[in-house]
């Protein structure tokens, strides 16, 4: 993913947060993955091995795209809260962010 798209994706994730279309935190995100509410999930690249595995396994089981692109610091910057796991619950936001990530 090039720098331009990365920045656009980060801005869009921040916008999703302000629009209330996001779930943050490990347990809440897992709950939303289970209920098929999370459309796309991000886990911090510097989160613990256990956390990353748990989120990736759950996402893959429920067929939710999961990405490990941003550090915890970047996620905190985007949403204004210290978090390691976030999920976007809005289809439109999720689709656009995924397009930016995949180029």
PDB file of N, CA and C in Angstrom:
ATOM      1  N   UNK A   1       0.863  -1.182   0.000  1.00  0.00           N
ATOM      2  CA  UNK A   1       0.000   0.000   0.000  1.00  0.00           C
ATOM      3  C   UNK A   1       0.899   1.233   0.000  1.00  0.00           C
ATOM      4  N   UNK A   2       0.665   2.139  -0.941  1.00  0.00           N
ATOM      5  CA  UNK A   2       1.516   3.330  -0.992  1.00  0.00           C
ATOM      6  C   UNK A   2       1.144   4.324   0.107  1.00  0.00           C
ATOM      7  N   UNK A   3       2.032   5.281   0.335  1.00  0.00           N
ATOM      8  CA  UNK A   3       1.865   6.249   1.422  1.00  0.00           C
ATOM      9  C   UNK A   3       0.583   7.056   1.321  1.00  0.00           C
ATOM     10  N   UNK A   4       0.228   7.424   0.085  1.00  0.00           N
ATOM     11  CA  UNK A   4      -0.970   8.234  -0.154  1.00  0.00           C
ATOM     12  C   UNK A   4      -2.232   7.458   0.277  1.00  0.00           C
ATOM     13  N   UNK A   5      -2.341   6.224  -0.208  1.00  0.00           N
ATOM     14  CA  UNK A   5      -3.509   5.402   0.145  1.00  0.00           C
ATOM     15  C   UNK A   5      -3.535   5.078   1.630  1.00  0.00           C
ATOM     16  N   UNK A   6      -2.356   4.875   2.218  1.00  0.00           N
ATOM     17  CA  UNK A   6      -2.263   4.590   3.651  1.00  0.00           C
ATOM     18  C   UNK A   6      -2.848   5.760   4.440  1.00  0.00           C
ATOM     19  N   UNK A   7      -2.470   6.980   4.063  1.00  0.00           N
ATOM     20  CA  UNK A   7      -2.961   8.170   4.750  1.00  0.00           C
ATOM     21  C   UNK A   7      -4.472   8.316   4.550  1.00  0.00           C
ATOM     22  N   UNK A   8      -4.943   8.056   3.339  1.00  0.00           N
ATOM     23  CA  UNK A   8      -6.381   8.146   3.051  1.00  0.00           C
ATOM     24  C   UNK A   8      -7.154   7.125   3.888  1.00  0.00           C
ATOM     25  N   UNK A   9      -6.610   5.910   3.977  1.00  0.00           N
ATOM     26  CA  UNK A   9      -7.246   4.855   4.771  1.00  0.00           C
ATOM     27  C   UNK A   9      -7.307   5.272   6.236  1.00  0.00           C
ATOM     28  N   UNK A  10      -6.215   5.855   6.732  1.00  0.00           N
ATOM     29  CA  UNK A  10      -6.172   6.297   8.126  1.00  0.00           C
ATOM     30  C   UNK A  10      -7.195   7.405   8.379  1.00  0.00           C
ATOM     31  N   UNK A  11      -7.301   8.332   7.436  1.00  0.00           N
ATOM     32  CA  UNK A  11      -8.282   9.417   7.567  1.00  0.00           C
ATOM     33  C   UNK A  11      -9.704   8.867   7.576  1.00  0.00           C
ATOM     34  N   UNK A  12      -9.949   7.896   6.700  1.00  0.00           N
ATOM     35  CA  UNK A  12     -11.283   7.295   6.594  1.00  0.00           C
ATOM     36  C   UNK A  12     -11.647   6.528   7.877  1.00  0.00           C
ATOM     37  N   UNK A  13     -10.665   5.851   8.459  1.00  0.00           N
ATOM     38  CA  UNK A  13     -10.896   5.121   9.714  1.00  0.00           C
ATOM     39  C   UNK A  13     -11.246   6.120  10.823  1.00  0.00           C
ATOM     40  N   UNK A  14     -10.535   7.246  10.854  1.00  0.00           N
ATOM     41  CA  UNK A  14     -10.836   8.301  11.828  1.00  0.00           C
ATOM     42  C   UNK A  14     -12.238   8.847  11.635  1.00  0.00           C
ATOM     43  N   UNK A  15     -12.633   9.011  10.377  1.00  0.00           N
ATOM     44  CA  UNK A  15     -13.972   9.510  10.044  1.00  0.00           C
ATOM     45  C   UNK A  15     -15.041   8.504  10.493  1.00  0.00           C
ATOM     46  N   UNK A  16     -14.775   7.213  10.269  1.00  0.00           N
ATOM     47  CA  UNK A  16     -15.714   6.162  10.694  1.00  0.00           C
ATOM     48  C   UNK A  16     -15.907   6.220  12.210  1.00  0.00           C
ATOM     49  N   UNK A  17     -14.807   6.492  12.933  1.00  0.00           N
ATOM     50  CA  UNK A  17     -14.882   6.602  14.388  1.00  0.00           C
ATOM     51  C   UNK A  17     -15.791   7.763  14.787  1.00  0.00           C
ATOM     52  N   UNK A  18     -15.574   8.919  14.157  1.00  0.00           N
ATOM     53  CA  UNK A  18     -16.376  10.106  14.486  1.00  0.00           C
ATOM     54  C   UNK A  18     -17.841   9.916  14.085  1.00  0.00           C
ATOM     55  N   UNK A  19     -18.065   9.111  13.060  1.00  0.00           N
ATOM     56  CA  UNK A  19     -19.433   8.870  12.595  1.00  0.00           C
ATOM     57  C   UNK A  19     -20.136   7.795  13.437  1.00  0.00           C
ATOM     58  N   UNK A  20     -19.406   7.212  14.381  1.00  0.00           N
ATOM     59  CA  UNK A  20     -19.994   6.175  15.238  1.00  0.00           C
ATOM     60  C   UNK A  20     -20.184   4.846  14.534  1.00  0.00           C
ATOM     61  N   UNK A  21     -19.374   4.590  13.515  1.00  0.00           N
ATOM     62  CA  UNK A  21     -19.489   3.355  12.734  1.00  0.00           C
ATOM     63  C   UNK A  21     -18.358   2.393  13.055  1.00  0.00           C
ATOM     64  N   UNK A  22     -17.885   2.453  14.298  1.00  0.00           N
ATOM     65  CA  UNK A  22     -16.738   1.651  14.661  1.00  0.00           C
ATOM     66  C   UNK A  22     -16.886   1.051  16.046  1.00  0.00           C
ATOM     67  N   UNK A  23     -16.278  -0.102  16.208  1.00  0.00           N
ATOM     68  CA  UNK A  23     -16.223  -0.763  17.507  1.00  0.00           C
ATOM     69  C   UNK A  23     -14.743  -0.839  17.872  1.00  0.00           C
ATOM     70  N   UNK A  24     -14.414  -0.561  19.135  1.00  0.00           N
ATOM     71  CA  UNK A  24     -13.007  -0.591  19.524  1.00  0.00           C
ATOM     72  C   UNK A  24     -12.805  -1.517  20.710  1.00  0.00           C
ATOM     73  N   UNK A  25     -11.630  -2.071  20.799  1.00  0.00           N
ATOM     74  CA  UNK A  25     -11.295  -2.968  21.904  1.00  0.00           C
ATOM     75  C   UNK A  25     -11.476  -4.418  21.501  1.00  0.00           C
ATOM     76  N   UNK A  26     -10.649  -5.256  22.076  1.00  0.00           N
ATOM     77  CA  UNK A  26     -10.602  -6.672  21.695  1.00  0.00           C
ATOM     78  C   UNK A  26     -11.933  -7.402  21.894  1.00  0.00           C
ATOM     79  N   UNK A  27     -12.470  -7.358  23.115  1.00  0.00           N
ATOM     80  CA  UNK A  27     -13.685  -8.137  23.407  1.00  0.00           C
ATOM     81  C   UNK A  27     -14.898  -7.657  22.612  1.00  0.00           C
ATOM     82  N   UNK A  28     -15.092  -6.337  22.537  1.00  0.00           N
ATOM     83  CA  UNK A  28     -16.230  -5.797  21.794  1.00  0.00           C
ATOM     84  C   UNK A  28     -16.129  -6.135  20.307  1.00  0.00           C
ATOM     85  N   UNK A  29     -14.912  -6.051  19.777  1.00  0.00           N
ATOM     86  CA  UNK A  29     -14.712  -6.365  18.353  1.00  0.00           C
ATOM     87  C   UNK A  29     -14.995  -7.839  18.087  1.00  0.00           C
ATOM     88  N   UNK A  30     -14.516  -8.708  18.969  1.00  0.00           N
ATOM     89  CA  UNK A  30     -14.787 -10.148  18.803  1.00  0.00           C
ATOM     90  C   UNK A  30     -16.300 -10.403  18.829  1.00  0.00           C
ATOM     91  N   UNK A  31     -16.998  -9.726  19.739  1.00  0.00           N
ATOM     92  CA  UNK A  31     -18.460  -9.861  19.812  1.00  0.00           C
ATOM     93  C   UNK A  31     -19.120  -9.451  18.512  1.00  0.00           C
ATOM     94  N   UNK A  32     -18.652  -8.355  17.924  1.00  0.00           N
ATOM     95  CA  UNK A  32     -19.218  -7.882  16.662  1.00  0.00           C
ATOM     96  C   UNK A  32     -18.854  -8.783  15.486  1.00  0.00           C
ATOM     97  N   UNK A  33     -17.682  -9.403  15.544  1.00  0.00           N
ATOM     98  CA  UNK A  33     -17.307 -10.361  14.496  1.00  0.00           C
ATOM     99  C   UNK A  33     -18.285 -11.535  14.565  1.00  0.00           C
ATOM    100  N   UNK A  34     -18.531 -12.019  15.783  1.00  0.00           N
ATOM    101  CA  UNK A  34     -19.458 -13.147  15.976  1.00  0.00           C
ATOM    102  C   UNK A  34     -20.868 -12.826  15.492  1.00  0.00           C
ATOM    103  N   UNK A  35     -21.303 -11.594  15.741  1.00  0.00           N
ATOM    104  CA  UNK A  35     -22.659 -11.196  15.332  1.00  0.00           C
ATOM    105  C   UNK A  35     -22.719 -10.721  13.886  1.00  0.00           C
ATOM    106  N   UNK A  36     -21.600 -10.865  13.184  1.00  0.00           N
ATOM    107  CA  UNK A  36     -21.499 -10.460  11.776  1.00  0.00           C
ATOM    108  C   UNK A  36     -21.731  -8.962  11.586  1.00  0.00           C
ATOM    109  N   UNK A  37     -21.439  -8.178  12.615  1.00  0.00           N
ATOM    110  CA  UNK A  37     -21.616  -6.722  12.525  1.00  0.00           C
ATOM    111  C   UNK A  37     -20.358  -6.039  12.030  1.00  0.00           C
ATOM    112  N   UNK A  38     -19.193  -6.587  12.383  1.00  0.00           N
ATOM    113  CA  UNK A  38     -17.927  -5.994  11.938  1.00  0.00           C
ATOM    114  C   UNK A  38     -17.713  -6.360  10.473  1.00  0.00           C
ATOM    115  N   UNK A  39     -17.456  -5.353   9.646  1.00  0.00           N
ATOM    116  CA  UNK A  39     -17.264  -5.586   8.214  1.00  0.00           C
ATOM    117  C   UNK A  39     -15.788  -5.697   7.850  1.00  0.00           C
ATOM    118  N   UNK A  40     -14.944  -5.065   8.656  1.00  0.00           N
ATOM    119  CA  UNK A  40     -13.491  -5.126   8.449  1.00  0.00           C
ATOM    120  C   UNK A  40     -12.837  -4.879   9.815  1.00  0.00           C
ATOM    121  N   UNK A  41     -11.756  -5.601  10.082  1.00  0.00           N
ATOM    122  CA  UNK A  41     -11.118  -5.528  11.397  1.00  0.00           C
ATOM    123  C   UNK A  41      -9.630  -5.200  11.245  1.00  0.00           C
ATOM    124  N   UNK A  42      -9.123  -4.393  12.178  1.00  0.00           N
ATOM    125  CA  UNK A  42      -7.696  -4.068  12.210  1.00  0.00           C
ATOM    126  C   UNK A  42      -7.151  -4.443  13.577  1.00  0.00           C
ATOM    127  N   UNK A  43      -6.021  -5.135  13.561  1.00  0.00           N
ATOM    128  CA  UNK A  43      -5.342  -5.466  14.813  1.00  0.00           C
ATOM    129  C   UNK A  43      -3.943  -4.850  14.728  1.00  0.00           C
ATOM    130  N   UNK A  44      -3.501  -4.229  15.805  1.00  0.00           N
ATOM    131  CA  UNK A  44      -2.205  -3.553  15.803  1.00  0.00           C
ATOM    132  C   UNK A  44      -1.079  -4.534  15.485  1.00  0.00           C
ATOM    133  N   UNK A  45      -0.163  -4.095  14.622  1.00  0.00           N
ATOM    134  CA  UNK A  45       0.953  -4.959  14.234  1.00  0.00           C
ATOM    135  C   UNK A  45       1.867  -5.249  15.426  1.00  0.00           C
ATOM    136  N   UNK A  46       1.795  -4.376  16.458  1.00  0.00           N
ATOM    137  CA  UNK A  46       2.625  -4.600  17.643  1.00  0.00           C
ATOM    138  C   UNK A  46       1.820  -5.134  18.836  1.00  0.00           C
ATOM    139  N   UNK A  47       0.622  -5.632  18.555  1.00  0.00           N
ATOM    140  CA  UNK A  47      -0.174  -6.278  19.611  1.00  0.00           C
ATOM    141  C   UNK A  47       0.482  -7.619  19.934  1.00  0.00           C
ATOM    142  N   UNK A  48       0.115  -8.211  21.066  1.00  0.00           N
ATOM    143  CA  UNK A  48       0.739  -9.489  21.446  1.00  0.00           C
ATOM    144  C   UNK A  48       0.380 -10.582  20.438  1.00  0.00           C
ATOM    145  N   UNK A  49       1.246 -11.571  20.363  1.00  0.00           N
ATOM    146  CA  UNK A  49       1.061 -12.702  19.449  1.00  0.00           C
ATOM    147  C   UNK A  49      -0.309 -13.343  19.689  1.00  0.00           C
ATOM    148  N   UNK A  50      -0.651 -13.502  20.975  1.00  0.00           N
ATOM    149  CA  UNK A  50      -1.913 -14.112  21.369  1.00  0.00           C
ATOM    150  C   UNK A  50      -3.118 -13.315  20.849  1.00  0.00           C
ATOM    151  N   UNK A  51      -3.080 -12.007  21.032  1.00  0.00           N
ATOM    152  CA  UNK A  51      -4.173 -11.132  20.581  1.00  0.00           C
ATOM    153  C   UNK A  51      -4.310 -11.207  19.067  1.00  0.00           C
ATOM    154  N   UNK A  52      -3.178 -11.099  18.357  1.00  0.00           N
ATOM    155  CA  UNK A  52      -3.220 -11.123  16.891  1.00  0.00           C
ATOM    156  C   UNK A  52      -3.795 -12.447  16.397  1.00  0.00           C
ATOM    157  N   UNK A  53      -3.369 -13.554  17.012  1.00  0.00           N
ATOM    158  CA  UNK A  53      -3.853 -14.870  16.593  1.00  0.00           C
ATOM    159  C   UNK A  53      -5.355 -15.001  16.860  1.00  0.00           C
ATOM    160  N   UNK A  54      -5.787 -14.588  18.041  1.00  0.00           N
ATOM    161  CA  UNK A  54      -7.200 -14.692  18.414  1.00  0.00           C
ATOM    162  C   UNK A  54      -8.087 -13.929  17.419  1.00  0.00           C
ATOM    163  N   UNK A  55      -7.705 -12.679  17.129  1.00  0.00           N
ATOM    164  CA  UNK A  55      -8.494 -11.840  16.227  1.00  0.00           C
ATOM    165  C   UNK A  55      -8.478 -12.395  14.807  1.00  0.00           C
ATOM    166  N   UNK A  56      -7.298 -12.819  14.351  1.00  0.00           N
ATOM    167  CA  UNK A  56      -7.196 -13.355  12.987  1.00  0.00           C
ATOM    168  C   UNK A  56      -7.998 -14.641  12.831  1.00  0.00           C
ATOM    169  N   UNK A  57      -7.918 -15.524  13.825  1.00  0.00           N
ATOM    170  CA  UNK A  57      -8.662 -16.792  13.765  1.00  0.00           C
ATOM    171  C   UNK A  57     -10.163 -16.537  13.736  1.00  0.00           C
ATOM    172  N   UNK A  58     -10.623 -15.644  14.610  1.00  0.00           N
ATOM    173  CA  UNK A  58     -12.055 -15.325  14.682  1.00  0.00           C
ATOM    174  C   UNK A  58     -12.514 -14.702  13.370  1.00  0.00           C
ATOM    175  N   UNK A  59     -11.729 -13.770  12.851  1.00  0.00           N
ATOM    176  CA  UNK A  59     -12.065 -13.094  11.597  1.00  0.00           C
ATOM    177  C   UNK A  59     -12.128 -14.079  10.447  1.00  0.00           C
ATOM    178  N   UNK A  60     -11.167 -14.962  10.396  1.00  0.00           N
ATOM    179  CA  UNK A  60     -11.130 -15.914   9.294  1.00  0.00           C
ATOM    180  C   UNK A  60     -12.305 -16.893   9.395  1.00  0.00           C
ATOM    181  N   UNK A  61     -12.656 -17.325  10.599  1.00  0.00           N
ATOM    182  CA  UNK A  61     -13.791 -18.228  10.786  1.00  0.00           C
ATOM    183  C   UNK A  61     -15.101 -17.580  10.322  1.00  0.00           C
ATOM    184  N   UNK A  62     -15.288 -16.302  10.655  1.00  0.00           N
ATOM    185  CA  UNK A  62     -16.524 -15.605  10.282  1.00  0.00           C
ATOM    186  C   UNK A  62     -16.404 -14.839   8.960  1.00  0.00           C
ATOM    187  N   UNK A  63     -15.279 -15.081   8.254  1.00  0.00           N
ATOM    188  CA  UNK A  63     -15.027 -14.475   6.947  1.00  0.00           C
ATOM    189  C   UNK A  63     -15.107 -12.949   6.957  1.00  0.00           C
ATOM    190  N   UNK A  64     -14.445 -12.347   7.941  1.00  0.00           N
ATOM    191  CA  UNK A  64     -14.350 -10.890   8.035  1.00  0.00           C
ATOM    192  C   UNK A  64     -12.909 -10.516   7.669  1.00  0.00           C
ATOM    193  N   UNK A  65     -12.716  -9.597   6.710  1.00  0.00           N
ATOM    194  CA  UNK A  65     -11.340  -9.210   6.365  1.00  0.00           C
ATOM    195  C   UNK A  65     -10.621  -8.632   7.584  1.00  0.00           C
ATOM    196  N   UNK A  66      -9.410  -9.094   7.822  1.00  0.00           N
ATOM    197  CA  UNK A  66      -8.633  -8.645   8.975  1.00  0.00           C
ATOM    198  C   UNK A  66      -7.256  -8.194   8.506  1.00  0.00           C
ATOM    199  N   UNK A  67      -6.845  -7.008   8.945  1.00  0.00           N
ATOM    200  CA  UNK A  67      -5.564  -6.460   8.518  1.00  0.00           C
ATOM    201  C   UNK A  67      -4.691  -6.090   9.710  1.00  0.00           C
ATOM    202  N   UNK A  68      -3.390  -6.240   9.494  1.00  0.00           N
ATOM    203  CA  UNK A  68      -2.392  -5.948  10.522  1.00  0.00           C
ATOM    204  C   UNK A  68      -1.453  -4.882   9.975  1.00  0.00           C
ATOM    205  N   UNK A  69      -1.995  -3.722   9.611  1.00  0.00           N
ATOM    206  CA  UNK A  69      -1.218  -2.703   8.904  1.00  0.00           C
ATOM    207  C   UNK A  69      -0.688  -1.591   9.780  1.00  0.00           C
ATOM    208  N   UNK A  70      -1.376  -1.322  10.867  1.00  0.00           N
ATOM    209  CA  UNK A  70      -1.039  -0.154  11.671  1.00  0.00           C
ATOM    210  C   UNK A  70      -0.534  -0.560  13.049  1.00  0.00           C
ATOM    211  N   UNK A  71       0.338   0.268  13.604  1.00  0.00           N
ATOM    212  CA  UNK A  71       0.830   0.013  14.960  1.00  0.00           C
ATOM    213  C   UNK A  71      -0.230   0.504  15.951  1.00  0.00           C
ATOM    214  N   UNK A  72      -0.064   0.139  17.200  1.00  0.00           N
ATOM    215  CA  UNK A  72      -1.007   0.599  18.230  1.00  0.00           C
ATOM    216  C   UNK A  72      -1.017   2.131  18.274  1.00  0.00           C
ATOM    217  N   UNK A  73       0.171   2.730  18.108  1.00  0.00           N
ATOM    218  CA  UNK A  73       0.289   4.190  18.135  1.00  0.00           C
ATOM    219  C   UNK A  73      -0.520   4.828  16.991  1.00  0.00           C
ATOM    220  N   UNK A  74      -0.453   4.237  15.804  1.00  0.00           N
ATOM    221  CA  UNK A  74      -1.201   4.767  14.651  1.00  0.00           C
ATOM    222  C   UNK A  74      -2.711   4.625  14.869  1.00  0.00           C
ATOM    223  N   UNK A  75      -3.128   3.486  15.412  1.00  0.00           N
ATOM    224  CA  UNK A  75      -4.558   3.273  15.690  1.00  0.00           C
ATOM    225  C   UNK A  75      -5.030   4.306  16.711  1.00  0.00           C
ATOM    226  N   UNK A  76      -4.230   4.514  17.754  1.00  0.00           N
ATOM    227  CA  UNK A  76      -4.558   5.502  18.786  1.00  0.00           C
ATOM    228  C   UNK A  76      -4.700   6.890  18.165  1.00  0.00           C
ATOM    229  N   UNK A  77      -3.785   7.231  17.263  1.00  0.00           N
ATOM    230  CA  UNK A  77      -3.832   8.515  16.555  1.00  0.00           C
ATOM    231  C   UNK A  77      -5.116   8.655  15.739  1.00  0.00           C
ATOM    232  N   UNK A  78      -5.481   7.593  15.033  1.00  0.00           N
ATOM    233  CA  UNK A  78      -6.653   7.632  14.152  1.00  0.00           C
ATOM    234  C   UNK A  78      -7.950   7.823  14.918  1.00  0.00           C
ATOM    235  N   UNK A  79      -8.095   7.103  16.033  1.00  0.00           N
ATOM    236  CA  UNK A  79      -9.395   7.109  16.726  1.00  0.00           C
ATOM    237  C   UNK A  79      -9.404   7.907  18.022  1.00  0.00           C
ATOM    238  N   UNK A  80      -8.240   8.364  18.458  1.00  0.00           N
ATOM    239  CA  UNK A  80      -8.182   9.189  19.656  1.00  0.00           C
ATOM    240  C   UNK A  80      -8.283   8.426  20.969  1.00  0.00           C
ATOM    241  N   UNK A  81      -8.162   7.117  20.901  1.00  0.00           N
ATOM    242  CA  UNK A  81      -8.186   6.283  22.115  1.00  0.00           C
ATOM    243  C   UNK A  81      -7.107   5.225  21.971  1.00  0.00           C
ATOM    244  N   UNK A  82      -6.444   4.847  23.068  1.00  0.00           N
ATOM    245  CA  UNK A  82      -5.438   3.776  22.957  1.00  0.00           C
ATOM    246  C   UNK A  82      -6.112   2.409  22.789  1.00  0.00           C
ATOM    247  N   UNK A  83      -6.005   1.835  21.612  1.00  0.00           N
ATOM    248  CA  UNK A  83      -6.606   0.529  21.324  1.00  0.00           C
ATOM    249  C   UNK A  83      -5.676  -0.298  20.455  1.00  0.00           C
ATOM    250  N   UNK A  84      -5.800  -1.619  20.588  1.00  0.00           N
ATOM    251  CA  UNK A  84      -5.016  -2.531  19.751  1.00  0.00           C
ATOM    252  C   UNK A  84      -5.886  -3.164  18.672  1.00  0.00           C
ATOM    253  N   UNK A  85      -7.205  -3.201  18.908  1.00  0.00           N
ATOM    254  CA  UNK A  85      -8.117  -3.855  17.974  1.00  0.00           C
ATOM    255  C   UNK A  85      -9.301  -2.928  17.692  1.00  0.00           C
ATOM    256  N   UNK A  86      -9.594  -2.743  16.395  1.00  0.00           N
ATOM    257  CA  UNK A  86     -10.764  -1.942  16.011  1.00  0.00           C
ATOM    258  C   UNK A  86     -11.484  -2.630  14.853  1.00  0.00           C
ATOM    259  N   UNK A  87     -12.778  -2.380  14.769  1.00  0.00           N
ATOM    260  CA  UNK A  87     -13.557  -2.939  13.669  1.00  0.00           C
ATOM    261  C   UNK A  87     -14.513  -1.890  13.138  1.00  0.00           C
ATOM    262  N   UNK A  88     -14.661  -1.849  11.818  1.00  0.00           N
ATOM    263  CA  UNK A  88     -15.606  -0.917  11.205  1.00  0.00           C
ATOM    264  C   UNK A  88     -16.911  -1.678  10.961  1.00  0.00           C
ATOM    265  N   UNK A  89     -18.020  -1.084  11.408  1.00  0.00           N
ATOM    266  CA  UNK A  89     -19.318  -1.772  11.321  1.00  0.00           C
ATOM    267  C   UNK A  89     -20.167  -1.295  10.149  1.00  0.00           C
ATOM    268  N   UNK A  90     -19.702  -0.289   9.430  1.00  0.00           N
ATOM    269  CA  UNK A  90     -20.470   0.245   8.308  1.00  0.00           C
ATOM    270  C   UNK A  90     -19.929  -0.323   6.991  1.00  0.00           C
ATOM    271  N   UNK A  91     -20.822  -0.861   6.170  1.00  0.00           N
ATOM    272  CA  UNK A  91     -20.413  -1.502   4.912  1.00  0.00           C
ATOM    273  C   UNK A  91     -19.706  -0.531   3.975  1.00  0.00           C
ATOM    274  N   UNK A  92     -20.236   0.686   3.850  1.00  0.00           N
ATOM    275  CA  UNK A  92     -19.649   1.684   2.957  1.00  0.00           C
ATOM    276  C   UNK A  92     -18.222   2.045   3.340  1.00  0.00           C
ATOM    277  N   UNK A  93     -18.019   2.368   4.630  1.00  0.00           N
ATOM    278  CA  UNK A  93     -16.677   2.699   5.120  1.00  0.00           C
ATOM    279  C   UNK A  93     -15.728   1.514   4.915  1.00  0.00           C
ATOM    280  N   UNK A  94     -16.192   0.324   5.286  1.00  0.00           N
ATOM    281  CA  UNK A  94     -15.358  -0.876   5.200  1.00  0.00           C
ATOM    282  C   UNK A  94     -14.924  -1.129   3.754  1.00  0.00           C
ATOM    283  N   UNK A  95     -15.863  -0.974   2.822  1.00  0.00           N
ATOM    284  CA  UNK A  95     -15.577  -1.227   1.410  1.00  0.00           C
ATOM    285  C   UNK A  95     -14.521  -0.247   0.900  1.00  0.00           C
ATOM    286  N   UNK A  96     -14.672   1.025   1.240  1.00  0.00           N
ATOM    287  CA  UNK A  96     -13.746   2.068   0.771  1.00  0.00           C
ATOM    288  C   UNK A  96     -12.349   1.851   1.371  1.00  0.00           C
ATOM    289  N   UNK A  97     -12.285   1.565   2.665  1.00  0.00           N
ATOM    290  CA  UNK A  97     -10.993   1.348   3.322  1.00  0.00           C
ATOM    291  C   UNK A  97     -10.289   0.137   2.684  1.00  0.00           C
ATOM    292  N   UNK A  98     -11.057  -0.936   2.422  1.00  0.00           N
ATOM    293  CA  UNK A  98     -10.496  -2.146   1.825  1.00  0.00           C
ATOM    294  C   UNK A  98      -9.959  -1.837   0.420  1.00  0.00           C
ATOM    295  N   UNK A  99     -10.690  -1.042  -0.342  1.00  0.00           N
ATOM    296  CA  UNK A  99     -10.227  -0.652  -1.686  1.00  0.00           C
ATOM    297  C   UNK A  99      -8.901   0.095  -1.602  1.00  0.00           C
ATOM    298  N   UNK A 100      -8.793   1.033  -0.651  1.00  0.00           N
ATOM    299  CA  UNK A 100      -7.561   1.810  -0.490  1.00  0.00           C
ATOM    300  C   UNK A 100      -6.387   0.900  -0.116  1.00  0.00           C
ATOM    301  N   UNK A 101      -6.655  -0.070   0.764  1.00  0.00           N
ATOM    302  CA  UNK A 101      -5.609  -0.973   1.239  1.00  0.00           C
ATOM    303  C   UNK A 101      -5.127  -1.873   0.101  1.00  0.00           C
ATOM    304  N   UNK A 102      -6.083  -2.398  -0.654  1.00  0.00           N
ATOM    305  CA  UNK A 102      -5.733  -3.353  -1.704  1.00  0.00           C
ATOM    306  C   UNK A 102      -5.330  -2.667  -3.009  1.00  0.00           C
ATOM    307  N   UNK A 103      -5.419  -1.346  -3.019  1.00  0.00           N
ATOM    308  CA  UNK A 103      -4.990  -0.592  -4.196  1.00  0.00           C
ATOM    309  C   UNK A 103      -5.989  -0.696  -5.299  1.00  0.00           C
TER     310      UNK A 103
END
